[in-house]
């Protein structure tokens, strides 16, 4: 089992900034394996692995099944990397965001156009 540090909130920007094209950014409630307290958390799912800022020295992936068994996530909301970036822009922070706040396809496209135009400047 990986060592889990106390929650700091840095998992949300880390997940949004470090997700790759085919990854899934996940926000949910997890249970600290030692204290048994639940807290809001964000991580990246990449196939059958989980990348988690607060565990495994920040870079060593978990097997997805082990992560789920250890921290028992609930109330999960999944975002594509682009959706996560749109939500960051929309809300001015990296999360967590509410379930009803997921962007529409049009909002994702509009935000992508804005990002591309900023890059060209």
PDB file of N, CA and C in Angstrom:
ATOM      1  N   UNK A   1       0.845  -1.175   0.000  1.00  0.00           N
ATOM      2  CA  UNK A   1       0.000   0.000   0.000  1.00  0.00           C
ATOM      3  C   UNK A   1       0.886   1.231   0.000  1.00  0.00           C
ATOM      4  N   UNK A   2       0.507   2.247  -0.790  1.00  0.00           N
ATOM      5  CA  UNK A   2       1.264   3.485  -0.833  1.00  0.00           C
ATOM      6  C   UNK A   2       0.987   4.343   0.379  1.00  0.00           C
ATOM      7  N   UNK A   3       1.954   5.146   0.720  1.00  0.00           N
ATOM      8  CA  UNK A   3       1.798   6.079   1.831  1.00  0.00           C
ATOM      9  C   UNK A   3       0.908   7.222   1.374  1.00  0.00           C
ATOM     10  N   UNK A   4      -0.115   7.537   2.127  1.00  0.00           N
ATOM     11  CA  UNK A   4      -0.999   8.647   1.769  1.00  0.00           C
ATOM     12  C   UNK A   4      -0.756   9.772   2.753  1.00  0.00           C
ATOM     13  N   UNK A   5      -0.447  10.938   2.234  1.00  0.00           N
ATOM     14  CA  UNK A   5      -0.213  12.094   3.083  1.00  0.00           C
ATOM     15  C   UNK A   5      -1.539  12.716   3.489  1.00  0.00           C
ATOM     16  N   UNK A   6      -1.487  13.643   4.413  1.00  0.00           N
ATOM     17  CA  UNK A   6      -2.702  14.351   4.803  1.00  0.00           C
ATOM     18  C   UNK A   6      -3.171  15.209   3.630  1.00  0.00           C
ATOM     19  N   UNK A   7      -4.491  15.371   3.470  1.00  0.00           N
ATOM     20  CA  UNK A   7      -5.009  16.142   2.353  1.00  0.00           C
ATOM     21  C   UNK A   7      -4.573  17.605   2.424  1.00  0.00           C
ATOM     22  N   UNK A   8      -4.187  18.144   1.264  1.00  0.00           N
ATOM     23  CA  UNK A   8      -3.762  19.543   1.191  1.00  0.00           C
ATOM     24  C   UNK A   8      -4.510  20.339   0.134  1.00  0.00           C
ATOM     25  N   UNK A   9      -5.247  19.667  -0.736  1.00  0.00           N
ATOM     26  CA  UNK A   9      -5.950  20.357  -1.812  1.00  0.00           C
ATOM     27  C   UNK A   9      -5.132  20.495  -3.080  1.00  0.00           C
ATOM     28  N   UNK A  10      -3.854  20.152  -3.041  1.00  0.00           N
ATOM     29  CA  UNK A  10      -3.014  20.289  -4.228  1.00  0.00           C
ATOM     30  C   UNK A  10      -3.261  19.195  -5.256  1.00  0.00           C
ATOM     31  N   UNK A  11      -4.010  18.179  -4.889  1.00  0.00           N
ATOM     32  CA  UNK A  11      -4.312  17.099  -5.830  1.00  0.00           C
ATOM     33  C   UNK A  11      -5.149  17.606  -7.007  1.00  0.00           C
ATOM     34  N   UNK A  12      -6.009  18.604  -6.774  1.00  0.00           N
ATOM     35  CA  UNK A  12      -6.881  19.097  -7.844  1.00  0.00           C
ATOM     36  C   UNK A  12      -6.087  19.793  -8.951  1.00  0.00           C
ATOM     37  N   UNK A  13      -5.237  20.775  -8.643  1.00  0.00           N
ATOM     38  CA  UNK A  13      -4.451  21.358  -9.738  1.00  0.00           C
ATOM     39  C   UNK A  13      -3.479  20.353 -10.354  1.00  0.00           C
ATOM     40  N   UNK A  14      -2.915  19.461  -9.520  1.00  0.00           N
ATOM     41  CA  UNK A  14      -1.983  18.467 -10.049  1.00  0.00           C
ATOM     42  C   UNK A  14      -2.672  17.591 -11.091  1.00  0.00           C
ATOM     43  N   UNK A  15      -3.867  17.089 -10.783  1.00  0.00           N
ATOM     44  CA  UNK A  15      -4.578  16.212 -11.718  1.00  0.00           C
ATOM     45  C   UNK A  15      -4.939  16.951 -13.001  1.00  0.00           C
ATOM     46  N   UNK A  16      -5.396  18.190 -12.871  1.00  0.00           N
ATOM     47  CA  UNK A  16      -5.776  18.966 -14.060  1.00  0.00           C
ATOM     48  C   UNK A  16      -4.560  19.250 -14.944  1.00  0.00           C
ATOM     49  N   UNK A  17      -3.425  19.529 -14.346  1.00  0.00           N
ATOM     50  CA  UNK A  17      -2.237  19.924 -15.107  1.00  0.00           C
ATOM     51  C   UNK A  17      -1.442  18.744 -15.652  1.00  0.00           C
ATOM     52  N   UNK A  18      -1.568  17.586 -15.051  1.00  0.00           N
ATOM     53  CA  UNK A  18      -0.725  16.458 -15.443  1.00  0.00           C
ATOM     54  C   UNK A  18      -1.440  15.366 -16.222  1.00  0.00           C
ATOM     55  N   UNK A  19      -2.688  15.586 -16.560  1.00  0.00           N
ATOM     56  CA  UNK A  19      -3.423  14.571 -17.317  1.00  0.00           C
ATOM     57  C   UNK A  19      -3.057  14.661 -18.794  1.00  0.00           C
ATOM     58  N   UNK A  20      -2.906  13.489 -19.396  1.00  0.00           N
ATOM     59  CA  UNK A  20      -2.589  13.400 -20.819  1.00  0.00           C
ATOM     60  C   UNK A  20      -3.849  13.205 -21.649  1.00  0.00           C
ATOM     61  N   UNK A  21      -3.678  13.215 -22.935  1.00  0.00           N
ATOM     62  CA  UNK A  21      -4.787  13.177 -23.887  1.00  0.00           C
ATOM     63  C   UNK A  21      -5.781  12.048 -23.646  1.00  0.00           C
ATOM     64  N   UNK A  22      -5.307  10.872 -23.320  1.00  0.00           N
ATOM     65  CA  UNK A  22      -6.187   9.716 -23.149  1.00  0.00           C
ATOM     66  C   UNK A  22      -6.513   9.407 -21.693  1.00  0.00           C
ATOM     67  N   UNK A  23      -6.116  10.290 -20.785  1.00  0.00           N
ATOM     68  CA  UNK A  23      -6.364  10.077 -19.354  1.00  0.00           C
ATOM     69  C   UNK A  23      -7.769  10.511 -18.967  1.00  0.00           C
ATOM     70  N   UNK A  24      -8.136  10.183 -17.751  1.00  0.00           N
ATOM     71  CA  UNK A  24      -9.393  10.634 -17.156  1.00  0.00           C
ATOM     72  C   UNK A  24      -9.044  11.293 -15.824  1.00  0.00           C
ATOM     73  N   UNK A  25      -9.518  12.520 -15.638  1.00  0.00           N
ATOM     74  CA  UNK A  25      -9.351  13.216 -14.365  1.00  0.00           C
ATOM     75  C   UNK A  25     -10.568  12.865 -13.518  1.00  0.00           C
ATOM     76  N   UNK A  26     -10.337  12.378 -12.308  1.00  0.00           N
ATOM     77  CA  UNK A  26     -11.435  11.947 -11.448  1.00  0.00           C
ATOM     78  C   UNK A  26     -11.427  12.768 -10.164  1.00  0.00           C
ATOM     79  N   UNK A  27     -12.604  13.289  -9.811  1.00  0.00           N
ATOM     80  CA  UNK A  27     -12.816  13.942  -8.520  1.00  0.00           C
ATOM     81  C   UNK A  27     -13.763  13.048  -7.739  1.00  0.00           C
ATOM     82  N   UNK A  28     -13.499  12.867  -6.462  1.00  0.00           N
ATOM     83  CA  UNK A  28     -14.382  12.050  -5.640  1.00  0.00           C
ATOM     84  C   UNK A  28     -14.033  12.174  -4.175  1.00  0.00           C
ATOM     85  N   UNK A  29     -14.727  11.418  -3.377  1.00  0.00           N
ATOM     86  CA  UNK A  29     -14.464  11.345  -1.944  1.00  0.00           C
ATOM     87  C   UNK A  29     -13.708  10.046  -1.694  1.00  0.00           C
ATOM     88  N   UNK A  30     -12.595  10.133  -0.973  1.00  0.00           N
ATOM     89  CA  UNK A  30     -11.817   8.948  -0.650  1.00  0.00           C
ATOM     90  C   UNK A  30     -11.646   8.852   0.865  1.00  0.00           C
ATOM     91  N   UNK A  31     -11.245   7.663   1.310  1.00  0.00           N
ATOM     92  CA  UNK A  31     -11.032   7.436   2.728  1.00  0.00           C
ATOM     93  C   UNK A  31      -9.537   7.272   2.988  1.00  0.00           C
ATOM     94  N   UNK A  32      -9.014   8.051   3.921  1.00  0.00           N
ATOM     95  CA  UNK A  32      -7.613   7.908   4.307  1.00  0.00           C
ATOM     96  C   UNK A  32      -7.463   6.526   4.953  1.00  0.00           C
ATOM     97  N   UNK A  33      -6.544   5.701   4.474  1.00  0.00           N
ATOM     98  CA  UNK A  33      -6.454   4.326   4.984  1.00  0.00           C
ATOM     99  C   UNK A  33      -6.062   4.220   6.458  1.00  0.00           C
ATOM    100  N   UNK A  34      -5.395   5.221   7.006  1.00  0.00           N
ATOM    101  CA  UNK A  34      -4.982   5.158   8.408  1.00  0.00           C
ATOM    102  C   UNK A  34      -6.022   5.797   9.334  1.00  0.00           C
ATOM    103  N   UNK A  35      -6.496   6.998   8.978  1.00  0.00           N
ATOM    104  CA  UNK A  35      -7.418   7.724   9.868  1.00  0.00           C
ATOM    105  C   UNK A  35      -8.872   7.353   9.626  1.00  0.00           C
ATOM    106  N   UNK A  36      -9.138   6.755   8.465  1.00  0.00           N
ATOM    107  CA  UNK A  36     -10.495   6.369   8.046  1.00  0.00           C
ATOM    108  C   UNK A  36     -11.392   7.586   7.793  1.00  0.00           C
ATOM    109  N   UNK A  37     -10.824   8.779   7.736  1.00  0.00           N
ATOM    110  CA  UNK A  37     -11.606   9.988   7.450  1.00  0.00           C
ATOM    111  C   UNK A  37     -11.764  10.135   5.947  1.00  0.00           C
ATOM    112  N   UNK A  38     -12.924  10.616   5.536  1.00  0.00           N
ATOM    113  CA  UNK A  38     -13.197  10.857   4.118  1.00  0.00           C
ATOM    114  C   UNK A  38     -12.879  12.308   3.790  1.00  0.00           C
ATOM    115  N   UNK A  39     -12.387  12.512   2.551  1.00  0.00           N
ATOM    116  CA  UNK A  39     -12.084  13.863   2.096  1.00  0.00           C
ATOM    117  C   UNK A  39     -12.170  13.915   0.571  1.00  0.00           C
ATOM    118  N   UNK A  40     -12.358  15.129   0.053  1.00  0.00           N
ATOM    119  CA  UNK A  40     -12.411  15.334  -1.392  1.00  0.00           C
ATOM    120  C   UNK A  40     -11.011  15.128  -1.956  1.00  0.00           C
ATOM    121  N   UNK A  41     -10.957  14.478  -3.128  1.00  0.00           N
ATOM    122  CA  UNK A  41      -9.661  14.142  -3.707  1.00  0.00           C
ATOM    123  C   UNK A  41      -9.768  14.101  -5.227  1.00  0.00           C
ATOM    124  N   UNK A  42      -8.630  14.284  -5.894  1.00  0.00           N
ATOM    125  CA  UNK A  42      -8.559  14.188  -7.354  1.00  0.00           C
ATOM    126  C   UNK A  42      -7.381  13.301  -7.731  1.00  0.00           C
ATOM    127  N   UNK A  43      -7.540  12.537  -8.813  1.00  0.00           N
ATOM    128  CA  UNK A  43      -6.481  11.666  -9.308  1.00  0.00           C
ATOM    129  C   UNK A  43      -6.664  11.490 -10.798  1.00  0.00           C
ATOM    130  N   UNK A  44      -5.693  10.851 -11.420  1.00  0.00           N
ATOM    131  CA  UNK A  44      -5.715  10.594 -12.863  1.00  0.00           C
ATOM    132  C   UNK A  44      -5.826   9.087 -13.079  1.00  0.00           C
ATOM    133  N   UNK A  45      -6.721   8.691 -13.960  1.00  0.00           N
ATOM    134  CA  UNK A  45      -6.805   7.288 -14.370  1.00  0.00           C
ATOM    135  C   UNK A  45      -6.244   7.172 -15.772  1.00  0.00           C
ATOM    136  N   UNK A  46      -5.318   6.235 -15.918  1.00  0.00           N
ATOM    137  CA  UNK A  46      -4.657   5.984 -17.201  1.00  0.00           C
ATOM    138  C   UNK A  46      -4.745   4.486 -17.447  1.00  0.00           C
ATOM    139  N   UNK A  47      -5.773   4.100 -18.212  1.00  0.00           N
ATOM    140  CA  UNK A  47      -6.000   2.673 -18.431  1.00  0.00           C
ATOM    141  C   UNK A  47      -6.339   1.989 -17.120  1.00  0.00           C
ATOM    142  N   UNK A  48      -5.584   0.946 -16.782  1.00  0.00           N
ATOM    143  CA  UNK A  48      -5.854   0.227 -15.536  1.00  0.00           C
ATOM    144  C   UNK A  48      -4.938   0.677 -14.396  1.00  0.00           C
ATOM    145  N   UNK A  49      -4.389   1.904 -14.530  1.00  0.00           N
ATOM    146  CA  UNK A  49      -3.561   2.452 -13.464  1.00  0.00           C
ATOM    147  C   UNK A  49      -4.127   3.784 -12.970  1.00  0.00           C
ATOM    148  N   UNK A  50      -3.706   4.163 -11.771  1.00  0.00           N
ATOM    149  CA  UNK A  50      -4.101   5.436 -11.166  1.00  0.00           C
ATOM    150  C   UNK A  50      -2.831   6.192 -10.795  1.00  0.00           C
ATOM    151  N   UNK A  51      -2.771   7.450 -11.186  1.00  0.00           N
ATOM    152  CA  UNK A  51      -1.698   8.352 -10.774  1.00  0.00           C
ATOM    153  C   UNK A  51      -2.293   9.276  -9.720  1.00  0.00           C
ATOM    154  N   UNK A  52      -1.646   9.325  -8.575  1.00  0.00           N
ATOM    155  CA  UNK A  52      -2.199  10.067  -7.447  1.00  0.00           C
ATOM    156  C   UNK A  52      -1.105  10.901  -6.806  1.00  0.00           C
ATOM    157  N   UNK A  53      -1.302  12.202  -6.753  1.00  0.00           N
ATOM    158  CA  UNK A  53      -0.299  13.129  -6.230  1.00  0.00           C
ATOM    159  C   UNK A  53       0.050  12.831  -4.781  1.00  0.00           C
ATOM    160  N   UNK A  54      -0.883  12.373  -3.990  1.00  0.00           N
ATOM    161  CA  UNK A  54      -0.653  12.218  -2.559  1.00  0.00           C
ATOM    162  C   UNK A  54      -0.082  10.872  -2.152  1.00  0.00           C
ATOM    163  N   UNK A  55       0.074   9.976  -3.080  1.00  0.00           N
ATOM    164  CA  UNK A  55       0.578   8.652  -2.725  1.00  0.00           C
ATOM    165  C   UNK A  55       1.663   8.215  -3.691  1.00  0.00           C
ATOM    166  N   UNK A  56       2.346   7.166  -3.316  1.00  0.00           N
ATOM    167  CA  UNK A  56       3.343   6.534  -4.193  1.00  0.00           C
ATOM    168  C   UNK A  56       4.401   7.511  -4.702  1.00  0.00           C
ATOM    169  N   UNK A  57       4.877   8.382  -3.857  1.00  0.00           N
ATOM    170  CA  UNK A  57       5.938   9.329  -4.221  1.00  0.00           C
ATOM    171  C   UNK A  57       5.565  10.193  -5.427  1.00  0.00           C
ATOM    172  N   UNK A  58       4.335  10.438  -5.605  1.00  0.00           N
ATOM    173  CA  UNK A  58       3.792  11.328  -6.641  1.00  0.00           C
ATOM    174  C   UNK A  58       3.873  10.778  -8.063  1.00  0.00           C
ATOM    175  N   UNK A  59       4.649   9.765  -8.310  1.00  0.00           N
ATOM    176  CA  UNK A  59       4.810   9.319  -9.694  1.00  0.00           C
ATOM    177  C   UNK A  59       4.604   7.824  -9.911  1.00  0.00           C
ATOM    178  N   UNK A  60       4.764   7.011  -8.881  1.00  0.00           N
ATOM    179  CA  UNK A  60       4.609   5.572  -9.054  1.00  0.00           C
ATOM    180  C   UNK A  60       3.121   5.242  -9.129  1.00  0.00           C
ATOM    181  N   UNK A  61       2.676   4.683 -10.251  1.00  0.00           N
ATOM    182  CA  UNK A  61       1.235   4.432 -10.387  1.00  0.00           C
ATOM    183  C   UNK A  61       0.741   3.280  -9.514  1.00  0.00           C
ATOM    184  N   UNK A  62      -0.532   3.363  -9.189  1.00  0.00           N
ATOM    185  CA  UNK A  62      -1.252   2.282  -8.505  1.00  0.00           C
ATOM    186  C   UNK A  62      -1.881   1.392  -9.569  1.00  0.00           C
ATOM    187  N   UNK A  63      -2.100   0.141  -9.249  1.00  0.00           N
ATOM    188  CA  UNK A  63      -3.054  -0.653 -10.013  1.00  0.00           C
ATOM    189  C   UNK A  63      -4.410  -0.075  -9.636  1.00  0.00           C
ATOM    190  N   UNK A  64      -5.242   0.123 -10.607  1.00  0.00           N
ATOM    191  CA  UNK A  64      -6.540   0.747 -10.345  1.00  0.00           C
ATOM    192  C   UNK A  64      -7.327  -0.025  -9.276  1.00  0.00           C
ATOM    193  N   UNK A  65      -7.318  -1.335  -9.367  1.00  0.00           N
ATOM    194  CA  UNK A  65      -8.072  -2.142  -8.402  1.00  0.00           C
ATOM    195  C   UNK A  65      -7.534  -1.957  -6.981  1.00  0.00           C
ATOM    196  N   UNK A  66      -6.218  -1.841  -6.829  1.00  0.00           N
ATOM    197  CA  UNK A  66      -5.621  -1.630  -5.503  1.00  0.00           C
ATOM    198  C   UNK A  66      -5.975  -0.261  -4.941  1.00  0.00           C
ATOM    199  N   UNK A  67      -5.930   0.756  -5.802  1.00  0.00           N
ATOM    200  CA  UNK A  67      -6.289   2.104  -5.371  1.00  0.00           C
ATOM    201  C   UNK A  67      -7.729   2.122  -4.857  1.00  0.00           C
ATOM    202  N   UNK A  68      -8.642   1.549  -5.655  1.00  0.00           N
ATOM    203  CA  UNK A  68     -10.058   1.545  -5.274  1.00  0.00           C
ATOM    204  C   UNK A  68     -10.291   0.747  -3.984  1.00  0.00           C
ATOM    205  N   UNK A  69      -9.571  -0.345  -3.830  1.00  0.00           N
ATOM    206  CA  UNK A  69      -9.719  -1.159  -2.623  1.00  0.00           C
ATOM    207  C   UNK A  69      -9.179  -0.428  -1.389  1.00  0.00           C
ATOM    208  N   UNK A  70      -8.110   0.322  -1.568  1.00  0.00           N
ATOM    209  CA  UNK A  70      -7.451   1.002  -0.450  1.00  0.00           C
ATOM    210  C   UNK A  70      -8.197   2.247   0.013  1.00  0.00           C
ATOM    211  N   UNK A  71      -8.592   3.117  -0.929  1.00  0.00           N
ATOM    212  CA  UNK A  71      -9.178   4.407  -0.525  1.00  0.00           C
ATOM    213  C   UNK A  71     -10.698   4.468  -0.701  1.00  0.00           C
ATOM    214  N   UNK A  72     -11.275   3.430  -1.243  1.00  0.00           N
ATOM    215  CA  UNK A  72     -12.727   3.285  -1.362  1.00  0.00           C
ATOM    216  C   UNK A  72     -13.433   4.561  -1.846  1.00  0.00           C
ATOM    217  N   UNK A  73     -13.112   4.993  -3.075  1.00  0.00           N
ATOM    218  CA  UNK A  73     -13.693   6.237  -3.575  1.00  0.00           C
ATOM    219  C   UNK A  73     -15.213   6.146  -3.779  1.00  0.00           C
ATOM    220  N   UNK A  74     -15.881   7.270  -3.516  1.00  0.00           N
ATOM    221  CA  UNK A  74     -17.318   7.411  -3.741  1.00  0.00           C
ATOM    222  C   UNK A  74     -17.568   8.768  -4.392  1.00  0.00           C
ATOM    223  N   UNK A  75     -18.797   8.984  -4.825  1.00  0.00           N
ATOM    224  CA  UNK A  75     -19.227  10.276  -5.390  1.00  0.00           C
ATOM    225  C   UNK A  75     -18.257  10.778  -6.460  1.00  0.00           C
ATOM    226  N   UNK A  76     -17.869   9.881  -7.355  1.00  0.00           N
ATOM    227  CA  UNK A  76     -16.884  10.229  -8.375  1.00  0.00           C
ATOM    228  C   UNK A  76     -17.519  10.927  -9.570  1.00  0.00           C
ATOM    229  N   UNK A  77     -16.786  11.890 -10.085  1.00  0.00           N
ATOM    230  CA  UNK A  77     -17.131  12.559 -11.333  1.00  0.00           C
ATOM    231  C   UNK A  77     -15.893  12.497 -12.208  1.00  0.00           C
ATOM    232  N   UNK A  78     -16.067  12.048 -13.443  1.00  0.00           N
ATOM    233  CA  UNK A  78     -14.943  11.875 -14.366  1.00  0.00           C
ATOM    234  C   UNK A  78     -14.967  12.962 -15.435  1.00  0.00           C
ATOM    235  N   UNK A  79     -13.773  13.456 -15.760  1.00  0.00           N
ATOM    236  CA  UNK A  79     -13.611  14.497 -16.770  1.00  0.00           C
ATOM    237  C   UNK A  79     -12.513  14.086 -17.743  1.00  0.00           C
ATOM    238  N   UNK A  80     -12.705  14.417 -19.004  1.00  0.00           N
ATOM    239  CA  UNK A  80     -11.586  14.295 -19.934  1.00  0.00           C
ATOM    240  C   UNK A  80     -10.602  15.405 -19.571  1.00  0.00           C
ATOM    241  N   UNK A  81      -9.358  15.301 -20.013  1.00  0.00           N
ATOM    242  CA  UNK A  81      -8.415  16.384 -19.718  1.00  0.00           C
ATOM    243  C   UNK A  81      -8.914  17.748 -20.215  1.00  0.00           C
ATOM    244  N   UNK A  82      -9.550  17.779 -21.388  1.00  0.00           N
ATOM    245  CA  UNK A  82     -10.058  19.054 -21.908  1.00  0.00           C
ATOM    246  C   UNK A  82     -11.213  19.566 -21.062  1.00  0.00           C
ATOM    247  N   UNK A  83     -12.100  18.675 -20.645  1.00  0.00           N
ATOM    248  CA  UNK A  83     -13.194  19.111 -19.774  1.00  0.00           C
ATOM    249  C   UNK A  83     -12.644  19.691 -18.471  1.00  0.00           C
ATOM    250  N   UNK A  84     -11.617  19.062 -17.928  1.00  0.00           N
ATOM    251  CA  UNK A  84     -11.019  19.571 -16.691  1.00  0.00           C
ATOM    252  C   UNK A  84     -10.433  20.961 -16.910  1.00  0.00           C
ATOM    253  N   UNK A  85      -9.767  21.170 -18.033  1.00  0.00           N
ATOM    254  CA  UNK A  85      -9.202  22.489 -18.322  1.00  0.00           C
ATOM    255  C   UNK A  85     -10.301  23.531 -18.505  1.00  0.00           C
ATOM    256  N   UNK A  86     -11.386  23.151 -19.169  1.00  0.00           N
ATOM    257  CA  UNK A  86     -12.521  24.061 -19.335  1.00  0.00           C
ATOM    258  C   UNK A  86     -13.105  24.429 -17.975  1.00  0.00           C
ATOM    259  N   UNK A  87     -13.252  23.443 -17.111  1.00  0.00           N
ATOM    260  CA  UNK A  87     -13.805  23.709 -15.779  1.00  0.00           C
ATOM    261  C   UNK A  87     -12.879  24.624 -14.983  1.00  0.00           C
ATOM    262  N   UNK A  88     -11.581  24.442 -15.117  1.00  0.00           N
ATOM    263  CA  UNK A  88     -10.630  25.334 -14.442  1.00  0.00           C
ATOM    264  C   UNK A  88     -10.815  26.775 -14.921  1.00  0.00           C
ATOM    265  N   UNK A  89     -10.931  26.940 -16.230  1.00  0.00           N
ATOM    266  CA  UNK A  89     -11.142  28.283 -16.780  1.00  0.00           C
ATOM    267  C   UNK A  89     -12.476  28.863 -16.340  1.00  0.00           C
ATOM    268  N   UNK A  90     -13.510  28.056 -16.390  1.00  0.00           N
ATOM    269  CA  UNK A  90     -14.857  28.510 -16.054  1.00  0.00           C
ATOM    270  C   UNK A  90     -14.958  28.971 -14.601  1.00  0.00           C
ATOM    271  N   UNK A  91     -14.343  28.224 -13.704  1.00  0.00           N
ATOM    272  CA  UNK A  91     -14.502  28.486 -12.272  1.00  0.00           C
ATOM    273  C   UNK A  91     -13.350  29.244 -11.636  1.00  0.00           C
ATOM    274  N   UNK A  92     -12.249  29.341 -12.360  1.00  0.00           N
ATOM    275  CA  UNK A  92     -11.100  30.051 -11.811  1.00  0.00           C
ATOM    276  C   UNK A  92     -10.354  29.270 -10.747  1.00  0.00           C
ATOM    277  N   UNK A  93     -10.614  27.969 -10.646  1.00  0.00           N
ATOM    278  CA  UNK A  93      -9.880  27.092  -9.722  1.00  0.00           C
ATOM    279  C   UNK A  93      -9.926  25.671 -10.262  1.00  0.00           C
ATOM    280  N   UNK A  94      -9.127  24.813  -9.649  1.00  0.00           N
ATOM    281  CA  UNK A  94      -8.949  23.448 -10.161  1.00  0.00           C
ATOM    282  C   UNK A  94      -9.907  22.422  -9.602  1.00  0.00           C
ATOM    283  N   UNK A  95     -10.868  22.837  -8.810  1.00  0.00           N
ATOM    284  CA  UNK A  95     -11.860  21.919  -8.282  1.00  0.00           C
ATOM    285  C   UNK A  95     -11.765  21.784  -6.783  1.00  0.00           C
ATOM    286  N   UNK A  96     -12.687  21.060  -6.230  1.00  0.00           N
ATOM    287  CA  UNK A  96     -13.731  20.278  -6.909  1.00  0.00           C
ATOM    288  C   UNK A  96     -14.855  21.168  -7.430  1.00  0.00           C
ATOM    289  N   UNK A  97     -15.554  20.637  -8.403  1.00  0.00           N
ATOM    290  CA  UNK A  97     -16.708  21.298  -8.992  1.00  0.00           C
ATOM    291  C   UNK A  97     -17.922  20.406  -8.764  1.00  0.00           C
ATOM    292  N   UNK A  98     -19.105  20.974  -8.864  1.00  0.00           N
ATOM    293  CA  UNK A  98     -20.326  20.191  -8.684  1.00  0.00           C
ATOM    294  C   UNK A  98     -20.629  19.312  -9.888  1.00  0.00           C
ATOM    295  N   UNK A  99     -21.410  18.265  -9.658  1.00  0.00           N
ATOM    296  CA  UNK A  99     -21.789  17.337 -10.745  1.00  0.00           C
ATOM    297  C   UNK A  99     -22.547  18.035 -11.868  1.00  0.00           C
ATOM    298  N   UNK A 100     -23.358  19.004 -11.530  1.00  0.00           N
ATOM    299  CA  UNK A 100     -24.185  19.665 -12.552  1.00  0.00           C
ATOM    300  C   UNK A 100     -23.394  20.650 -13.381  1.00  0.00           C
ATOM    301  N   UNK A 101     -22.139  20.846 -13.050  1.00  0.00           N
ATOM    302  CA  UNK A 101     -21.338  21.859 -13.715  1.00  0.00           C
ATOM    303  C   UNK A 101     -20.519  21.326 -14.877  1.00  0.00           C
ATOM    304  N   UNK A 102     -20.744  20.091 -15.287  1.00  0.00           N
ATOM    305  CA  UNK A 102     -19.967  19.564 -16.397  1.00  0.00           C
ATOM    306  C   UNK A 102     -20.285  20.358 -17.657  1.00  0.00           C
ATOM    307  N   UNK A 103     -19.246  20.699 -18.436  1.00  0.00           N
ATOM    308  CA  UNK A 103     -19.454  21.526 -19.619  1.00  0.00           C
ATOM    309  C   UNK A 103     -20.132  20.761 -20.747  1.00  0.00           C
ATOM    310  N   UNK A 104     -20.846  21.520 -21.568  1.00  0.00           N
ATOM    311  CA  UNK A 104     -21.435  20.937 -22.769  1.00  0.00           C
ATOM    312  C   UNK A 104     -20.348  20.842 -23.839  1.00  0.00           C
ATOM    313  N   UNK A 105     -20.624  20.096 -24.889  1.00  0.00           N
ATOM    314  CA  UNK A 105     -19.670  19.973 -26.001  1.00  0.00           C
ATOM    315  C   UNK A 105     -19.375  21.350 -26.589  1.00  0.00           C
ATOM    316  N   UNK A 106     -20.402  22.176 -26.736  1.00  0.00           N
ATOM    317  CA  UNK A 106     -20.206  23.525 -27.281  1.00  0.00           C
ATOM    318  C   UNK A 106     -19.276  24.333 -26.379  1.00  0.00           C
ATOM    319  N   UNK A 107     -19.445  24.242 -25.076  1.00  0.00           N
ATOM    320  CA  UNK A 107     -18.581  24.979 -24.162  1.00  0.00           C
ATOM    321  C   UNK A 107     -17.138  24.481 -24.240  1.00  0.00           C
ATOM    322  N   UNK A 108     -16.966  23.180 -24.395  1.00  0.00           N
ATOM    323  CA  UNK A 108     -15.614  22.639 -24.540  1.00  0.00           C
ATOM    324  C   UNK A 108     -14.979  23.189 -25.809  1.00  0.00           C
ATOM    325  N   UNK A 109     -15.703  23.150 -26.914  1.00  0.00           N
ATOM    326  CA  UNK A 109     -15.165  23.659 -28.188  1.00  0.00           C
ATOM    327  C   UNK A 109     -14.839  25.143 -28.101  1.00  0.00           C
ATOM    328  N   UNK A 110     -15.758  25.935 -27.523  1.00  0.00           N
ATOM    329  CA  UNK A 110     -15.518  27.382 -27.377  1.00  0.00           C
ATOM    330  C   UNK A 110     -14.272  27.639 -26.541  1.00  0.00           C
ATOM    331  N   UNK A 111     -14.126  26.902 -25.456  1.00  0.00           N
ATOM    332  CA  UNK A 111     -12.958  27.084 -24.586  1.00  0.00           C
ATOM    333  C   UNK A 111     -11.671  26.670 -25.293  1.00  0.00           C
ATOM    334  N   UNK A 112     -11.734  25.609 -26.084  1.00  0.00           N
ATOM    335  CA  UNK A 112     -10.552  25.187 -26.844  1.00  0.00           C
ATOM    336  C   UNK A 112     -10.130  26.269 -27.823  1.00  0.00           C
ATOM    337  N   UNK A 113     -11.109  26.892 -28.483  1.00  0.00           N
ATOM    338  CA  UNK A 113     -10.793  27.987 -29.406  1.00  0.00           C
ATOM    339  C   UNK A 113     -10.120  29.135 -28.664  1.00  0.00           C
ATOM    340  N   UNK A 114     -10.628  29.463 -27.478  1.00  0.00           N
ATOM    341  CA  UNK A 114     -10.019  30.533 -26.687  1.00  0.00           C
ATOM    342  C   UNK A 114      -8.587  30.191 -26.302  1.00  0.00           C
ATOM    343  N   UNK A 115      -8.376  28.931 -25.871  1.00  0.00           N
ATOM    344  CA  UNK A 115      -7.016  28.512 -25.513  1.00  0.00           C
ATOM    345  C   UNK A 115      -6.075  28.599 -26.700  1.00  0.00           C
ATOM    346  N   UNK A 116      -6.544  28.156 -27.856  1.00  0.00           N
ATOM    347  CA  UNK A 116      -5.709  28.193 -29.056  1.00  0.00           C
ATOM    348  C   UNK A 116      -5.380  29.617 -29.449  1.00  0.00           C
ATOM    349  N   UNK A 117      -6.359  30.526 -29.354  1.00  0.00           N
ATOM    350  CA  UNK A 117      -6.097  31.921 -29.719  1.00  0.00           C
ATOM    351  C   UNK A 117      -5.120  32.567 -28.732  1.00  0.00           C
ATOM    352  N   UNK A 118      -5.166  32.187 -27.455  1.00  0.00           N
ATOM    353  CA  UNK A 118      -4.198  32.707 -26.469  1.00  0.00           C
ATOM    354  C   UNK A 118      -2.790  32.224 -26.783  1.00  0.00           C
ATOM    355  N   UNK A 119      -2.682  30.973 -27.202  1.00  0.00           N
ATOM    356  CA  UNK A 119      -1.363  30.408 -27.511  1.00  0.00           C
ATOM    357  C   UNK A 119      -0.723  31.116 -28.711  1.00  0.00           C
ATOM    358  N   UNK A 120      -1.548  31.549 -29.665  1.00  0.00           N
ATOM    359  CA  UNK A 120      -1.036  32.172 -30.875  1.00  0.00           C
ATOM    360  C   UNK A 120      -0.543  33.597 -30.628  1.00  0.00           C
ATOM    361  N   UNK A 121      -0.942  34.189 -29.523  1.00  0.00           N
ATOM    362  CA  UNK A 121      -0.540  35.585 -29.250  1.00  0.00           C
ATOM    363  C   UNK A 121       0.888  35.689 -28.852  1.00  0.00           C
TER     364      UNK A 121
END
